[in-house]
N, C-alpha and C. Protein backbone atom coordinates (compact mmCIF):
# COMPACT_ATOMS: atom_id res chain seq x y z
N UNK A 1 -25.61 36.70 64.44
CA UNK A 1 -25.65 37.88 64.28
C UNK A 1 -24.81 39.09 65.47
N UNK A 2 -24.84 40.34 65.01
CA UNK A 2 -23.59 41.10 65.42
C UNK A 2 -23.64 41.07 66.97
N UNK A 3 -22.77 40.91 67.87
CA UNK A 3 -22.58 41.03 68.83
C UNK A 3 -22.24 42.93 69.15
N UNK A 4 -23.56 43.93 69.44
CA UNK A 4 -23.15 44.62 70.00
C UNK A 4 -23.34 45.17 71.60
N UNK A 5 -21.89 46.39 71.86
CA UNK A 5 -21.93 46.14 73.45
C UNK A 5 -21.51 47.88 73.52
N UNK A 6 -21.60 48.06 75.06
CA UNK A 6 -21.36 49.44 75.32
C UNK A 6 -19.96 49.59 75.15
N UNK A 7 -19.44 50.43 75.16
CA UNK A 7 -17.84 50.58 75.37
C UNK A 7 -17.19 49.90 76.55
N UNK A 8 -17.77 50.12 77.21
CA UNK A 8 -17.81 49.41 78.98
C UNK A 8 -17.54 47.63 78.88
N UNK A 9 -18.67 47.71 78.33
CA UNK A 9 -18.95 45.84 78.06
C UNK A 9 -17.74 45.35 77.43
N UNK A 10 -17.36 46.07 76.19
CA UNK A 10 -16.53 45.72 74.69
C UNK A 10 -14.75 45.79 75.52
N UNK A 11 -14.57 46.28 76.70
CA UNK A 11 -13.27 46.12 77.17
C UNK A 11 -13.77 45.18 77.99
N UNK A 12 -14.43 44.57 78.67
CA UNK A 12 -14.86 43.65 79.45
C UNK A 12 -14.71 42.53 79.07
N UNK A 13 -15.40 41.87 77.25
CA UNK A 13 -15.20 41.30 77.37
C UNK A 13 -13.85 40.56 76.36
N UNK A 14 -13.25 41.67 75.73
CA UNK A 14 -11.68 41.89 75.85
C UNK A 14 -11.04 41.69 76.89
N UNK A 15 -10.92 41.95 77.73
CA UNK A 15 -10.27 40.98 79.55
C UNK A 15 -10.29 39.98 78.98
N UNK A 16 -11.41 39.20 79.02
CA UNK A 16 -11.77 37.74 79.01
C UNK A 16 -11.08 37.03 78.49
N UNK A 17 -10.73 37.81 77.44
CA UNK A 17 -10.23 36.95 76.14
C UNK A 17 -8.63 37.21 76.58
N UNK A 18 -8.37 38.27 76.62
CA UNK A 18 -6.56 38.59 77.05
C UNK A 18 -6.73 39.56 78.04
N UNK A 19 -6.48 39.04 79.74
CA UNK A 19 -6.35 39.26 80.80
C UNK A 19 -5.35 40.82 80.83
N UNK A 20 -4.17 40.45 79.90
CA UNK A 20 -3.27 41.79 79.80
C UNK A 20 -3.01 42.74 78.64
N UNK A 21 -4.80 42.56 78.20
CA UNK A 21 -4.65 43.80 77.33
C UNK A 21 -4.51 45.35 77.38
N UNK A 22 -3.92 46.35 76.85
CA UNK A 22 -3.42 47.46 76.68
C UNK A 22 -4.55 48.63 76.04
N UNK A 23 -5.56 47.97 76.00
CA UNK A 23 -6.63 48.84 75.16
C UNK A 23 -7.58 49.20 76.68
N UNK A 24 -7.72 50.71 75.93
CA UNK A 24 -8.58 51.31 77.29
C UNK A 24 -9.89 51.53 76.32
N UNK A 25 -10.99 52.71 77.24
CA UNK A 25 -12.21 52.65 76.45
C UNK A 25 -11.79 54.02 75.68
N UNK A 26 -10.64 54.51 76.41
CA UNK A 26 -10.62 55.74 75.55
C UNK A 26 -10.38 55.61 73.55
N UNK A 27 -9.59 54.85 74.00
CA UNK A 27 -8.99 53.59 72.57
C UNK A 27 -10.11 53.25 72.04
N UNK A 28 -10.84 52.53 72.28
CA UNK A 28 -12.15 51.89 71.61
C UNK A 28 -13.11 53.14 71.23
N UNK A 29 -13.56 54.04 71.82
CA UNK A 29 -14.02 55.40 71.35
C UNK A 29 -13.66 56.04 70.45
N UNK A 30 -12.20 56.61 70.15
CA UNK A 30 -11.61 57.38 69.31
C UNK A 30 -11.98 56.02 67.89
N UNK A 31 -11.79 54.66 67.91
CA UNK A 31 -11.52 54.06 66.44
C UNK A 31 -12.77 54.29 66.22
N UNK A 32 -13.98 54.33 67.30
CA UNK A 32 -15.31 54.46 66.60
C UNK A 32 -15.70 55.44 66.18
N UNK A 33 -15.47 56.65 66.92
CA UNK A 33 -15.04 58.00 66.03
C UNK A 33 -14.21 58.21 64.67
N UNK A 34 -13.30 57.69 64.57
CA UNK A 34 -12.53 58.02 63.59
C UNK A 34 -12.81 56.74 62.68
N UNK A 35 -13.95 56.16 62.73
CA UNK A 35 -14.50 54.98 61.67
C UNK A 35 -13.75 53.90 61.38
N UNK A 36 -12.58 53.13 62.21
CA UNK A 36 -11.95 52.03 62.06
C UNK A 36 -12.74 50.51 62.22
N UNK A 37 -13.84 51.39 63.24
CA UNK A 37 -14.67 49.76 63.43
C UNK A 37 -15.73 50.51 63.75
N UNK A 38 -16.97 49.43 63.69
CA UNK A 38 -18.20 50.02 63.26
C UNK A 38 -18.93 50.32 64.47
N UNK A 39 -19.92 51.30 64.28
CA UNK A 39 -20.02 51.99 66.12
C UNK A 39 -21.46 52.06 65.66
N UNK A 40 -22.87 52.63 66.93
CA UNK A 40 -23.87 53.28 67.12
C UNK A 40 -23.65 53.98 67.86
N UNK A 41 -24.01 55.47 67.50
CA UNK A 41 -24.02 56.42 68.42
C UNK A 41 -25.74 56.71 68.53
N UNK A 42 -25.61 56.54 69.98
CA UNK A 42 -27.32 57.45 70.18
C UNK A 42 -27.22 58.32 71.22
N UNK A 43 -27.39 59.01 71.27
CA UNK A 43 -27.03 60.18 72.08
C UNK A 43 -26.13 60.32 72.59
N UNK A 44 -25.18 59.96 73.82
CA UNK A 44 -24.10 60.21 74.59
C UNK A 44 -23.24 58.84 73.89
N UNK A 45 -24.28 58.06 74.17
CA UNK A 45 -23.43 56.31 74.14
C UNK A 45 -23.17 55.97 72.58
N UNK A 46 -21.99 55.44 72.86
CA UNK A 46 -21.58 54.91 71.86
C UNK A 46 -21.58 53.34 71.88
N UNK A 47 -22.26 52.57 71.00
CA UNK A 47 -22.83 50.94 70.96
C UNK A 47 -20.99 50.25 70.10
N UNK A 48 -20.83 49.18 70.35
CA UNK A 48 -19.73 49.21 69.27
C UNK A 48 -20.02 47.81 69.24
N UNK A 49 -19.68 47.46 67.81
CA UNK A 49 -19.62 45.85 67.13
C UNK A 49 -18.23 45.51 67.29
N UNK A 50 -18.33 44.49 68.25
CA UNK A 50 -17.44 43.50 69.59
C UNK A 50 -16.41 43.23 67.83
N UNK A 51 -17.21 42.02 66.81
CA UNK A 51 -16.65 41.56 66.00
C UNK A 51 -15.88 42.09 64.88
N UNK A 52 -16.58 43.66 64.85
CA UNK A 52 -15.41 44.74 64.10
C UNK A 52 -14.10 44.96 64.97
N UNK A 53 -14.40 45.50 66.40
CA UNK A 53 -13.06 45.77 67.27
C UNK A 53 -12.22 44.25 66.76
N UNK A 54 -12.68 43.40 67.08
CA UNK A 54 -11.45 41.75 66.78
C UNK A 54 -10.90 41.79 65.11
N UNK A 55 -12.20 42.43 64.63
CA UNK A 55 -11.25 42.02 62.89
C UNK A 55 -10.20 43.09 62.69
N UNK A 56 -10.28 44.38 63.66
CA UNK A 56 -9.79 45.89 62.99
C UNK A 56 -8.28 45.11 63.78
N UNK A 57 -7.99 44.66 65.15
CA UNK A 57 -7.26 44.24 65.95
C UNK A 57 -6.40 42.98 65.24
N UNK A 58 -7.29 42.41 64.95
CA UNK A 58 -6.39 41.17 63.42
C UNK A 58 -6.03 41.35 62.66
N UNK A 59 -6.24 42.48 62.06
CA UNK A 59 -5.71 43.28 60.60
C UNK A 59 -6.50 42.41 59.38
N UNK A 60 -7.39 41.85 59.62
CA UNK A 60 -8.55 40.94 58.79
C UNK A 60 -9.64 42.03 58.20
N UNK A 61 -10.38 41.77 57.24
CA UNK A 61 -11.35 42.73 56.43
C UNK A 61 -12.48 41.96 57.17
N UNK A 62 -13.41 43.26 56.97
CA UNK A 62 -14.85 42.55 57.67
C UNK A 62 -15.78 43.07 56.50
N UNK A 63 -16.98 42.23 56.81
CA UNK A 63 -17.83 42.23 55.38
C UNK A 63 -18.08 43.37 55.68
N UNK A 64 -18.77 44.58 56.28
CA UNK A 64 -19.62 45.17 56.78
C UNK A 64 -18.66 46.54 56.62
N UNK A 65 -19.41 47.65 56.47
CA UNK A 65 -18.51 49.10 55.75
C UNK A 65 -18.37 49.28 57.09
N UNK A 66 -17.32 49.87 57.37
CA UNK A 66 -16.89 50.50 58.75
C UNK A 66 -17.59 52.07 58.89
N UNK A 67 -17.86 51.90 59.44
CA UNK A 67 -19.31 52.96 59.87
C UNK A 67 -19.72 53.65 61.21
N UNK A 68 -19.99 54.74 61.52
CA UNK A 68 -20.68 55.01 63.02
C UNK A 68 -22.76 55.65 62.81
N UNK A 69 -23.45 54.92 62.98
CA UNK A 69 -24.29 55.21 62.91
C UNK A 69 -24.84 56.09 63.62
N UNK A 70 -25.65 57.33 63.47
CA UNK A 70 -25.46 58.35 64.32
C UNK A 70 -27.36 58.55 64.72
N UNK A 71 -27.72 58.03 65.72
CA UNK A 71 -29.38 57.75 66.55
C UNK A 71 -29.82 59.44 67.25
N UNK A 72 -30.69 60.20 66.27
CA UNK A 72 -31.16 61.05 67.40
C UNK A 72 -30.85 62.58 67.01
C-alpha cells in the first residue's frame, strides 16, 4: 500500500528519518509539479507518494509512472 501524505506530513516523516535534511516543503511541491515524484492534486492541496519521493532521492527506479493526478 502506498503512503500518501500532505507535503507537510511528508516533510515531517522525512525529518524523523533524517533530522538534518535540507529538503523543504517548497522543494517537495516543485518535484511534484515537475512530475519528478508521484502526487495527487485535489483543489489547492497536493498529496505526495512518500515512497516515490524516497525512490527519487535514492535515484532508484519506481514501478509506477511519475505523474500528478488532478482532481476537481
